[in-house]
Amino acid sequence: MIDNIASADTSIGKEMRTAKSSVKDAGGSLPAPLVKLGSYSGANNARDFERSMQLPAEPVMVSTRVKAKVDSTMVVEEKIPVLLPHRVFLYLFNVLGLLIRPEDIDQYWQHQKSFCTWASHNDLDGKHVPVTIYGDTARYGQGYDQSKITGCFMSLPLWRPKSTRMSQWLLFSVDADRSLGPETLNPLYLAIVESLNEAFHGRTPEGWPLPHKFSVTEIKGDWEFHYHTFQLRRYWKTRWVCWRCHAEHHDNAAHSCYDFDDHPAWEATPISSFYFLANIVKRDNI
């Protein structure tokens, strides 16, 4: 049922009606969760479906600021559910029995230490399970009935199940049309960062041991996600459109972003990490 809904093959309402019919036809020979699912009145299928599902890892409610409405200048406090990474780790490794081989972790860090300067830090002893944070913004719906949602996901680069959908775990989502950018996102990220900071040392914020030590090694996302997350000074509407080089969108550009030669002018203008932090990211957002 959950797989059907997640893959958009059906709706919550249809699945709830199917459950109700199954309970009626089975005459009491079904497992308790399905009996409970089919016992609701049907007045609010989405609410009843949520009530009947037991979440393997409970989110925390984090207070943040958003627009009161899409077209409003009024700002309100709103609580948004955030699934903390350490809770996901406990469920994946301790409950589901997810296994990442030590030799795969060793090989990963040997490669990183050979090619990435950051991986040579003394605190990275080659034992951390690598973690990816991924953000994306998408619009769904049809015609005038559309919504724009920004989601923050987590994955483990060394674990690749057959279904890619099963390797991405949503940490939080926000209504992008009501978002205030960093003012909305930063409190949510702070809760995630506090969880990941402790996971780096192999423990939960409460001090309980985790099955591994974990380290964020990748932050990925679409252009819009990076812009709103880091409040970049460069983005698609500015003269200098790239945060990795000096490519320009301008009639008199020295390094035109429309230069598609084999060796374009912008190729020779890579930006260092220091320059990125000093000039591309707004200081009040570091």
C-alpha atoms as a PDB file:
ATOM      1  CA  MET A   1       0.000   0.000   0.000  1.00  0.00           C
ATOM      2  CA  ILE A   2       2.684   2.494   1.012  1.00  0.00           C
ATOM      3  CA  ASP A   3       4.747   1.629  -2.072  1.00  0.00           C
ATOM      4  CA  ASN A   4       1.713   2.175  -4.303  1.00  0.00           C
ATOM      5  CA  ILE A   5       1.057   5.615  -2.812  1.00  0.00           C
ATOM      6  CA  ALA A   6       4.722   6.620  -2.894  1.00  0.00           C
ATOM      7  CA  SER A   7       5.055   5.662  -6.558  1.00  0.00           C
ATOM      8  CA  ALA A   8       1.896   7.656  -7.402  1.00  0.00           C
ATOM      9  CA  ASP A   9       0.178   4.548  -8.786  1.00  0.00           C
ATOM     10  CA  THR A  10      -2.818   5.234  -6.559  1.00  0.00           C
ATOM     11  CA  SER A  11      -4.182   7.652  -3.964  1.00  0.00           C
ATOM     12  CA  ILE A  12      -4.591   7.513  -0.193  1.00  0.00           C
ATOM     13  CA  GLY A  13      -8.363   7.622  -0.610  1.00  0.00           C
ATOM     14  CA  LYS A  14      -8.413   4.649  -2.978  1.00  0.00           C
ATOM     15  CA  GLU A  15      -6.134   2.584  -0.737  1.00  0.00           C
ATOM     16  CA  MET A  16      -8.254   3.393   2.324  1.00  0.00           C
ATOM     17  CA  ARG A  17     -11.396   2.247   0.501  1.00  0.00           C
ATOM     18  CA  THR A  18      -9.588  -0.941  -0.528  1.00  0.00           C
ATOM     19  CA  ALA A  19      -8.598  -1.572   3.097  1.00  0.00           C
ATOM     20  CA  LYS A  20     -12.179  -1.041   4.264  1.00  0.00           C
ATOM     21  CA  SER A  21     -13.466  -3.541   1.676  1.00  0.00           C
ATOM     22  CA  SER A  22     -10.792  -6.066   2.649  1.00  0.00           C
ATOM     23  CA  VAL A  23     -11.719  -5.840   6.329  1.00  0.00           C
ATOM     24  CA  LYS A  24     -15.405  -6.291   5.535  1.00  0.00           C
ATOM     25  CA  ASP A  25     -14.805  -9.315   3.289  1.00  0.00           C
ATOM     26  CA  ALA A  26     -12.238 -11.024   5.540  1.00  0.00           C
ATOM     27  CA  GLY A  27     -14.492 -11.330   8.558  1.00  0.00           C
ATOM     28  CA  GLY A  28     -11.856 -10.778  11.251  1.00  0.00           C
ATOM     29  CA  SER A  29      -8.993 -12.865   9.887  1.00  0.00           C
ATOM     30  CA  LEU A  30      -6.700  -9.926   9.059  1.00  0.00           C
ATOM     31  CA  PRO A  31      -3.788  -8.521  11.090  1.00  0.00           C
ATOM     32  CA  ALA A  32      -4.632  -5.788  13.587  1.00  0.00           C
ATOM     33  CA  PRO A  33      -2.997  -2.875  11.690  1.00  0.00           C
ATOM     34  CA  LEU A  34      -5.079  -3.549   8.570  1.00  0.00           C
ATOM     35  CA  VAL A  35      -8.245  -3.950  10.645  1.00  0.00           C
ATOM     36  CA  LYS A  36      -7.548  -0.566  12.230  1.00  0.00           C
ATOM     37  CA  LEU A  37      -6.930   0.960   8.807  1.00  0.00           C
ATOM     38  CA  GLY A  38     -10.287  -0.249   7.561  1.00  0.00           C
ATOM     39  CA  SER A  39     -12.254   0.850  10.623  1.00  0.00           C
ATOM     40  CA  TYR A  40     -12.220   4.599   9.950  1.00  0.00           C
ATOM     41  CA  SER A  41     -15.255   6.440   8.608  1.00  0.00           C
ATOM     42  CA  GLY A  42     -13.603   7.822   5.469  1.00  0.00           C
ATOM     43  CA  ALA A  43     -14.398  11.447   6.293  1.00  0.00           C
ATOM     44  CA  ASN A  44     -10.696  12.387   6.259  1.00  0.00           C
ATOM     45  CA  ASN A  45      -8.620   9.691   4.576  1.00  0.00           C
ATOM     46  CA  ALA A  46      -5.284  11.520   4.758  1.00  0.00           C
ATOM     47  CA  ARG A  47      -5.615  12.052   8.527  1.00  0.00           C
ATOM     48  CA  ASP A  48      -6.800   8.488   9.167  1.00  0.00           C
ATOM     49  CA  PHE A  49      -3.980   7.029   7.071  1.00  0.00           C
ATOM     50  CA  GLU A  50      -1.436   9.005   9.103  1.00  0.00           C
ATOM     51  CA  ARG A  51      -3.006   7.864  12.386  1.00  0.00           C
ATOM     52  CA  SER A  52      -2.830   4.219  11.401  1.00  0.00           C
ATOM     53  CA  MET A  53       0.811   4.280  10.307  1.00  0.00           C
ATOM     54  CA  GLN A  54       3.513   3.792  12.942  1.00  0.00           C
ATOM     55  CA  LEU A  55       6.575   5.741  11.897  1.00  0.00           C
ATOM     56  CA  PRO A  56       9.866   3.857  12.423  1.00  0.00           C
ATOM     57  CA  ALA A  57      11.643   7.120  13.323  1.00  0.00           C
ATOM     58  CA  GLU A  58       9.707  10.029  14.780  1.00  0.00           C
ATOM     59  CA  PRO A  59      10.492  13.576  13.593  1.00  0.00           C
ATOM     60  CA  VAL A  60      10.936  16.539  15.912  1.00  0.00           C
ATOM     61  CA  MET A  61       8.970  19.757  15.486  1.00  0.00           C
ATOM     62  CA  VAL A  62      11.234  22.745  14.815  1.00  0.00           C
ATOM     63  CA  SER A  63       9.926  26.296  15.014  1.00  0.00           C
ATOM     64  CA  THR A  64      10.826  28.609  12.137  1.00  0.00           C
ATOM     65  CA  ARG A  65       9.547  31.728  10.363  1.00  0.00           C
ATOM     66  CA  VAL A  66       7.561  31.648   7.115  1.00  0.00           C
ATOM     67  CA  LYS A  67       5.218  33.897   5.170  1.00  0.00           C
ATOM     68  CA  ALA A  68       1.663  33.794   6.506  1.00  0.00           C
ATOM     69  CA  LYS A  69       0.468  33.255   2.916  1.00  0.00           C
ATOM     70  CA  VAL A  70       2.132  32.953  -0.473  1.00  0.00           C
ATOM     71  CA  ASP A  71       1.371  36.569  -1.408  1.00  0.00           C
ATOM     72  CA  SER A  72       1.638  37.999   2.126  1.00  0.00           C
ATOM     73  CA  THR A  73       4.278  40.262   3.677  1.00  0.00           C
ATOM     74  CA  MET A  74       3.277  39.059   7.150  1.00  0.00           C
ATOM     75  CA  VAL A  75       5.693  36.622   8.805  1.00  0.00           C
ATOM     76  CA  VAL A  76       4.531  33.954  11.265  1.00  0.00           C
ATOM     77  CA  GLU A  77       6.112  31.245  13.412  1.00  0.00           C
ATOM     78  CA  GLU A  78       5.382  27.717  12.249  1.00  0.00           C
ATOM     79  CA  LYS A  79       6.505  24.287  13.438  1.00  0.00           C
ATOM     80  CA  ILE A  80       7.890  22.008  10.731  1.00  0.00           C
ATOM     81  CA  PRO A  81       8.677  18.291  11.262  1.00  0.00           C
ATOM     82  CA  VAL A  82      12.367  17.424  10.877  1.00  0.00           C
ATOM     83  CA  LEU A  83      13.647  13.853  10.837  1.00  0.00           C
ATOM     84  CA  LEU A  84      17.004  13.929  12.609  1.00  0.00           C
ATOM     85  CA  PRO A  85      19.834  11.970  10.930  1.00  0.00           C
ATOM     86  CA  HIS A  86      20.882  10.041  14.048  1.00  0.00           C
ATOM     87  CA  ARG A  87      17.360   8.613  14.353  1.00  0.00           C
ATOM     88  CA  VAL A  88      17.532   7.468  10.739  1.00  0.00           C
ATOM     89  CA  PHE A  89      20.925   5.834  11.373  1.00  0.00           C
ATOM     90  CA  LEU A  90      19.622   3.949  14.410  1.00  0.00           C
ATOM     91  CA  TYR A  91      16.644   2.629  12.466  1.00  0.00           C
ATOM     92  CA  LEU A  92      18.633   1.660   9.362  1.00  0.00           C
ATOM     93  CA  PHE A  93      21.501  -0.123  11.100  1.00  0.00           C
ATOM     94  CA  ASN A  94      20.001  -1.375  14.390  1.00  0.00           C
ATOM     95  CA  VAL A  95      16.465  -2.251  13.264  1.00  0.00           C
ATOM     96  CA  LEU A  96      16.691  -3.028   9.537  1.00  0.00           C
ATOM     97  CA  GLY A  97      20.214  -4.441   9.760  1.00  0.00           C
ATOM     98  CA  LEU A  98      21.719  -2.342   6.972  1.00  0.00           C
ATOM     99  CA  LEU A  99      25.328  -3.405   6.412  1.00  0.00           C
ATOM    100  CA  ILE A 100      28.188  -1.427   4.881  1.00  0.00           C
ATOM    101  CA  ARG A 101      31.370  -3.456   4.627  1.00  0.00           C
ATOM    102  CA  PRO A 102      34.457  -2.099   6.443  1.00  0.00           C
ATOM    103  CA  GLU A 103      36.565  -2.700   3.327  1.00  0.00           C
ATOM    104  CA  ASP A 104      34.238  -0.433   1.316  1.00  0.00           C
ATOM    105  CA  ILE A 105      34.647   2.318   3.910  1.00  0.00           C
ATOM    106  CA  ASP A 106      38.442   1.881   3.834  1.00  0.00           C
ATOM    107  CA  GLN A 107      38.545   2.014   0.031  1.00  0.00           C
ATOM    108  CA  TYR A 108      36.361   5.127  -0.008  1.00  0.00           C
ATOM    109  CA  TRP A 109      38.613   7.042   2.375  1.00  0.00           C
ATOM    110  CA  GLN A 110      41.808   5.919   0.673  1.00  0.00           C
ATOM    111  CA  HIS A 111      40.475   7.423  -2.539  1.00  0.00           C
ATOM    112  CA  GLN A 112      39.332  10.646  -0.853  1.00  0.00           C
ATOM    113  CA  LYS A 113      42.627  11.148   0.966  1.00  0.00           C
ATOM    114  CA  SER A 114      44.489  10.677  -2.322  1.00  0.00           C
ATOM    115  CA  PHE A 115      42.515  13.287  -4.260  1.00  0.00           C
ATOM    116  CA  CYS A 116      40.760  15.615  -1.768  1.00  0.00           C
ATOM    117  CA  THR A 117      42.641  17.960   0.552  1.00  0.00           C
ATOM    118  CA  TRP A 118      39.799  18.150   3.076  1.00  0.00           C
ATOM    119  CA  ALA A 119      39.933  14.364   3.612  1.00  0.00           C
ATOM    120  CA  SER A 120      43.424  14.602   5.129  1.00  0.00           C
ATOM    121  CA  HIS A 121      42.093  16.270   8.285  1.00  0.00           C
ATOM    122  CA  ASN A 122      43.296  14.523  11.440  1.00  0.00           C
ATOM    123  CA  ASP A 123      39.756  13.925  12.719  1.00  0.00           C
ATOM    124  CA  LEU A 124      38.953  11.816   9.645  1.00  0.00           C
ATOM    125  CA  ASP A 125      40.467   8.478  10.618  1.00  0.00           C
ATOM    126  CA  GLY A 126      38.993   6.508   7.720  1.00  0.00           C
ATOM    127  CA  LYS A 127      36.267   4.893   9.833  1.00  0.00           C
ATOM    128  CA  HIS A 128      33.365   7.288   9.210  1.00  0.00           C
ATOM    129  CA  VAL A 129      30.436   6.195   7.052  1.00  0.00           C
ATOM    130  CA  PRO A 130      30.095   8.931   4.393  1.00  0.00           C
ATOM    131  CA  VAL A 131      26.813  10.863   4.260  1.00  0.00           C
ATOM    132  CA  THR A 132      25.251  12.969   1.503  1.00  0.00           C
ATOM    133  CA  ILE A 133      22.885  15.886   2.057  1.00  0.00           C
ATOM    134  CA  TYR A 134      20.808  16.641  -1.020  1.00  0.00           C
ATOM    135  CA  GLY A 135      18.300  19.410  -1.663  1.00  0.00           C
ATOM    136  CA  ASP A 136      15.852  19.964  -4.473  1.00  0.00           C
ATOM    137  CA  THR A 137      12.911  22.188  -5.296  1.00  0.00           C
ATOM    138  CA  ALA A 138      10.053  20.902  -7.410  1.00  0.00           C
ATOM    139  CA  ARG A 139       6.676  22.139  -8.556  1.00  0.00           C
ATOM    140  CA  TYR A 140       3.774  19.722  -8.734  1.00  0.00           C
ATOM    141  CA  GLY A 141       0.118  19.956  -9.651  1.00  0.00           C
ATOM    142  CA  GLN A 142      -1.648  21.069 -12.805  1.00  0.00           C
ATOM    143  CA  GLY A 143      -2.786  24.392 -14.200  1.00  0.00           C
ATOM    144  CA  TYR A 144      -3.421  26.986 -11.510  1.00  0.00           C
ATOM    145  CA  ASP A 145      -3.469  24.356  -8.755  1.00  0.00           C
ATOM    146  CA  GLN A 146       0.283  24.028  -8.278  1.00  0.00           C
ATOM    147  CA  SER A 147       2.577  23.978  -5.265  1.00  0.00           C
ATOM    148  CA  LYS A 148       6.328  24.448  -5.053  1.00  0.00           C
ATOM    149  CA  ILE A 149       8.108  22.366  -2.431  1.00  0.00           C
ATOM    150  CA  THR A 150      11.732  22.374  -1.271  1.00  0.00           C
ATOM    151  CA  GLY A 151      12.948  19.098   0.204  1.00  0.00           C
ATOM    152  CA  CYS A 152      16.141  18.207   2.072  1.00  0.00           C
ATOM    153  CA  PHE A 153      17.193  14.568   1.770  1.00  0.00           C
ATOM    154  CA  MET A 154      19.929  12.367   3.176  1.00  0.00           C
ATOM    155  CA  SER A 155      21.597   9.330   1.636  1.00  0.00           C
ATOM    156  CA  LEU A 156      24.621   7.076   2.137  1.00  0.00           C
ATOM    157  CA  PRO A 157      26.989   6.999  -0.890  1.00  0.00           C
ATOM    158  CA  LEU A 158      28.215   3.498  -0.033  1.00  0.00           C
ATOM    159  CA  TRP A 159      24.736   1.960   0.046  1.00  0.00           C
ATOM    160  CA  ARG A 160      22.900   1.524  -3.234  1.00  0.00           C
ATOM    161  CA  PRO A 161      19.701  -0.547  -3.071  1.00  0.00           C
ATOM    162  CA  LYS A 162      17.962  -1.763  -6.221  1.00  0.00           C
ATOM    163  CA  SER A 163      15.351   0.962  -5.839  1.00  0.00           C
ATOM    164  CA  THR A 164      16.930   4.435  -5.812  1.00  0.00           C
ATOM    165  CA  ARG A 165      13.791   5.722  -4.124  1.00  0.00           C
ATOM    166  CA  MET A 166      14.651   3.605  -1.092  1.00  0.00           C
ATOM    167  CA  SER A 167      18.091   5.223  -0.731  1.00  0.00           C
ATOM    168  CA  GLN A 168      16.847   8.797  -0.193  1.00  0.00           C
ATOM    169  CA  TRP A 169      15.411   9.826   3.179  1.00  0.00           C
ATOM    170  CA  LEU A 170      13.484  13.054   3.467  1.00  0.00           C
ATOM    171  CA  LEU A 171      14.630  15.090   6.474  1.00  0.00           C
ATOM    172  CA  PHE A 172      12.205  17.972   5.967  1.00  0.00           C
ATOM    173  CA  SER A 173      10.169  19.801   3.344  1.00  0.00           C
ATOM    174  CA  VAL A 174       8.901  23.370   3.183  1.00  0.00           C
ATOM    175  CA  ASP A 175       6.472  25.279   1.002  1.00  0.00           C
ATOM    176  CA  ALA A 176       8.941  27.120  -1.238  1.00  0.00           C
ATOM    177  CA  ASP A 177       6.423  29.852  -2.048  1.00  0.00           C
ATOM    178  CA  ARG A 178       6.147  30.693   1.664  1.00  0.00           C
ATOM    179  CA  SER A 179       9.837  30.287   2.447  1.00  0.00           C
ATOM    180  CA  LEU A 180      11.967  33.267   3.507  1.00  0.00           C
ATOM    181  CA  GLY A 181      15.174  31.588   2.364  1.00  0.00           C
ATOM    182  CA  PRO A 182      17.823  31.221   5.109  1.00  0.00           C
ATOM    183  CA  GLU A 183      15.469  32.757   7.675  1.00  0.00           C
ATOM    184  CA  THR A 184      13.168  29.764   7.162  1.00  0.00           C
ATOM    185  CA  LEU A 185      15.768  27.101   6.405  1.00  0.00           C
ATOM    186  CA  ASN A 186      18.517  27.835   8.950  1.00  0.00           C
ATOM    187  CA  PRO A 187      16.588  26.716  12.083  1.00  0.00           C
ATOM    188  CA  LEU A 188      15.789  23.438  10.299  1.00  0.00           C
ATOM    189  CA  TYR A 189      19.408  22.969   9.251  1.00  0.00           C
ATOM    190  CA  LEU A 190      20.578  23.757  12.783  1.00  0.00           C
ATOM    191  CA  ALA A 191      18.625  20.793  14.164  1.00  0.00           C
ATOM    192  CA  ILE A 192      20.162  18.564  11.481  1.00  0.00           C
ATOM    193  CA  VAL A 193      23.682  19.923  12.074  1.00  0.00           C
ATOM    194  CA  GLU A 194      23.441  19.305  15.826  1.00  0.00           C
ATOM    195  CA  SER A 195      22.466  15.701  15.112  1.00  0.00           C
ATOM    196  CA  LEU A 196      25.250  15.210  12.546  1.00  0.00           C
ATOM    197  CA  ASN A 197      27.872  16.826  14.793  1.00  0.00           C
ATOM    198  CA  GLU A 198      27.260  14.137  17.402  1.00  0.00           C
ATOM    199  CA  ALA A 199      27.019  11.412  14.747  1.00  0.00           C
ATOM    200  CA  PHE A 200      30.532  12.404  13.637  1.00  0.00           C
ATOM    201  CA  HIS A 201      31.728  11.096  17.017  1.00  0.00           C
ATOM    202  CA  GLY A 202      29.525   7.991  16.854  1.00  0.00           C
ATOM    203  CA  ARG A 203      26.865   9.044  19.335  1.00  0.00           C
ATOM    204  CA  THR A 204      23.408  10.592  19.560  1.00  0.00           C
ATOM    205  CA  PRO A 205      22.801  14.060  21.067  1.00  0.00           C
ATOM    206  CA  GLU A 206      21.633  12.213  24.192  1.00  0.00           C
ATOM    207  CA  GLY A 207      24.973  10.388  24.427  1.00  0.00           C
ATOM    208  CA  TRP A 208      23.836   6.944  23.256  1.00  0.00           C
ATOM    209  CA  PRO A 209      26.210   5.053  20.924  1.00  0.00           C
ATOM    210  CA  LEU A 210      25.543   4.831  17.188  1.00  0.00           C
ATOM    211  CA  PRO A 211      26.543   1.756  15.148  1.00  0.00           C
ATOM    212  CA  HIS A 212      29.184   3.826  13.276  1.00  0.00           C
ATOM    213  CA  LYS A 213      30.739   7.246  13.106  1.00  0.00           C
ATOM    214  CA  PHE A 214      29.277   9.335  10.282  1.00  0.00           C
ATOM    215  CA  SER A 215      30.631  12.269   8.287  1.00  0.00           C
ATOM    216  CA  VAL A 216      28.980  14.494   5.678  1.00  0.00           C
ATOM    217  CA  THR A 217      31.182  14.309   2.584  1.00  0.00           C
ATOM    218  CA  GLU A 218      28.785  15.602  -0.083  1.00  0.00           C
ATOM    219  CA  ILE A 219      26.295  18.475  -0.246  1.00  0.00           C
ATOM    220  CA  LYS A 220      24.321  18.330  -3.482  1.00  0.00           C
ATOM    221  CA  GLY A 221      21.303  20.061  -4.932  1.00  0.00           C
ATOM    222  CA  ASP A 222      19.873  22.061  -7.782  1.00  0.00           C
ATOM    223  CA  TRP A 223      20.878  25.680  -8.462  1.00  0.00           C
ATOM    224  CA  GLU A 224      17.874  27.131  -6.666  1.00  0.00           C
ATOM    225  CA  PHE A 225      18.490  25.027  -3.561  1.00  0.00           C
ATOM    226  CA  HIS A 226      22.101  26.203  -3.287  1.00  0.00           C
ATOM    227  CA  TYR A 227      21.129  29.826  -3.809  1.00  0.00           C
ATOM    228  CA  HIS A 228      18.430  29.849  -1.137  1.00  0.00           C
ATOM    229  CA  THR A 229      20.432  27.709   1.287  1.00  0.00           C
ATOM    230  CA  PHE A 230      23.706  29.626   1.181  1.00  0.00           C
ATOM    231  CA  GLN A 231      22.386  33.026  -0.038  1.00  0.00           C
ATOM    232  CA  LEU A 232      24.996  33.112  -2.784  1.00  0.00           C
ATOM    233  CA  ARG A 233      25.957  36.494  -4.200  1.00  0.00           C
ATOM    234  CA  ARG A 234      26.159  34.858  -7.625  1.00  0.00           C
ATOM    235  CA  TYR A 235      23.186  33.180  -9.246  1.00  0.00           C
ATOM    236  CA  TRP A 236      21.319  33.013 -12.555  1.00  0.00           C
ATOM    237  CA  LYS A 237      20.154  36.660 -12.490  1.00  0.00           C
ATOM    238  CA  THR A 238      23.518  38.306 -11.767  1.00  0.00           C
ATOM    239  CA  ARG A 239      26.335  39.247 -14.164  1.00  0.00           C
ATOM    240  CA  TRP A 240      28.647  36.601 -12.711  1.00  0.00           C
ATOM    241  CA  VAL A 241      26.410  33.558 -12.852  1.00  0.00           C
ATOM    242  CA  CYS A 242      28.715  30.837 -11.525  1.00  0.00           C
ATOM    243  CA  TRP A 243      29.964  30.225  -7.990  1.00  0.00           C
ATOM    244  CA  ARG A 244      32.764  27.938  -9.202  1.00  0.00           C
ATOM    245  CA  CYS A 245      34.378  30.210 -11.810  1.00  0.00           C
ATOM    246  CA  HIS A 246      34.176  33.746 -13.253  1.00  0.00           C
ATOM    247  CA  ALA A 247      31.766  32.959 -16.106  1.00  0.00           C
ATOM    248  CA  GLU A 248      29.728  36.054 -17.023  1.00  0.00           C
ATOM    249  CA  HIS A 249      26.326  36.744 -18.519  1.00  0.00           C
ATOM    250  CA  HIS A 250      27.069  40.149 -20.082  1.00  0.00           C
ATOM    251  CA  ASP A 251      27.572  41.735 -23.517  1.00  0.00           C
ATOM    252  CA  ASN A 252      31.152  42.747 -22.650  1.00  0.00           C
ATOM    253  CA  ALA A 253      32.032  39.584 -20.754  1.00  0.00           C
ATOM    254  CA  ALA A 254      35.686  38.638 -20.510  1.00  0.00           C
ATOM    255  CA  HIS A 255      34.649  35.056 -19.708  1.00  0.00           C
ATOM    256  CA  SER A 256      31.281  34.590 -21.389  1.00  0.00           C
ATOM    257  CA  CYS A 257      29.072  31.798 -20.071  1.00  0.00           C
ATOM    258  CA  TYR A 258      28.076  31.228 -23.719  1.00  0.00           C
ATOM    259  CA  ASP A 259      31.636  30.306 -24.659  1.00  0.00           C
ATOM    260  CA  PHE A 260      31.322  26.647 -25.636  1.00  0.00           C
ATOM    261  CA  ASP A 261      34.738  26.193 -27.251  1.00  0.00           C
ATOM    262  CA  ASP A 262      36.854  23.188 -26.351  1.00  0.00           C
ATOM    263  CA  HIS A 263      38.817  25.443 -24.007  1.00  0.00           C
ATOM    264  CA  PRO A 264      36.468  28.297 -23.003  1.00  0.00           C
ATOM    265  CA  ALA A 265      37.848  31.403 -21.303  1.00  0.00           C
ATOM    266  CA  TRP A 266      36.009  30.694 -18.047  1.00  0.00           C
ATOM    267  CA  GLU A 267      37.707  27.297 -17.745  1.00  0.00           C
ATOM    268  CA  ALA A 268      40.902  29.040 -16.590  1.00  0.00           C
ATOM    269  CA  THR A 269      39.159  30.933 -13.758  1.00  0.00           C
ATOM    270  CA  PRO A 270      38.367  28.363 -11.052  1.00  0.00           C
ATOM    271  CA  ILE A 271      37.385  29.776  -7.667  1.00  0.00           C
ATOM    272  CA  SER A 272      39.184  28.602  -4.528  1.00  0.00           C
ATOM    273  CA  SER A 273      37.376  27.570  -1.357  1.00  0.00           C
ATOM    274  CA  PHE A 274      38.745  30.674   0.386  1.00  0.00           C
ATOM    275  CA  TYR A 275      37.434  32.978  -2.365  1.00  0.00           C
ATOM    276  CA  PHE A 276      34.076  31.208  -2.250  1.00  0.00           C
ATOM    277  CA  LEU A 277      33.680  31.816   1.485  1.00  0.00           C
ATOM    278  CA  ALA A 278      35.050  35.365   1.346  1.00  0.00           C
ATOM    279  CA  ASN A 279      33.215  36.652  -1.715  1.00  0.00           C
ATOM    280  CA  ILE A 280      30.434  34.343  -2.895  1.00  0.00           C
ATOM    281  CA  VAL A 281      28.625  33.484   0.345  1.00  0.00           C
ATOM    282  CA  LYS A 282      27.135  36.377   2.286  1.00  0.00           C
ATOM    283  CA  ARG A 283      29.104  36.695   5.522  1.00  0.00           C
ATOM    284  CA  ASP A 284      26.049  36.700   7.777  1.00  0.00           C
ATOM    285  CA  ASN A 285      25.107  33.285   6.417  1.00  0.00           C
ATOM    286  CA  ILE A 286      28.393  31.423   7.029  1.00  0.00           C
END
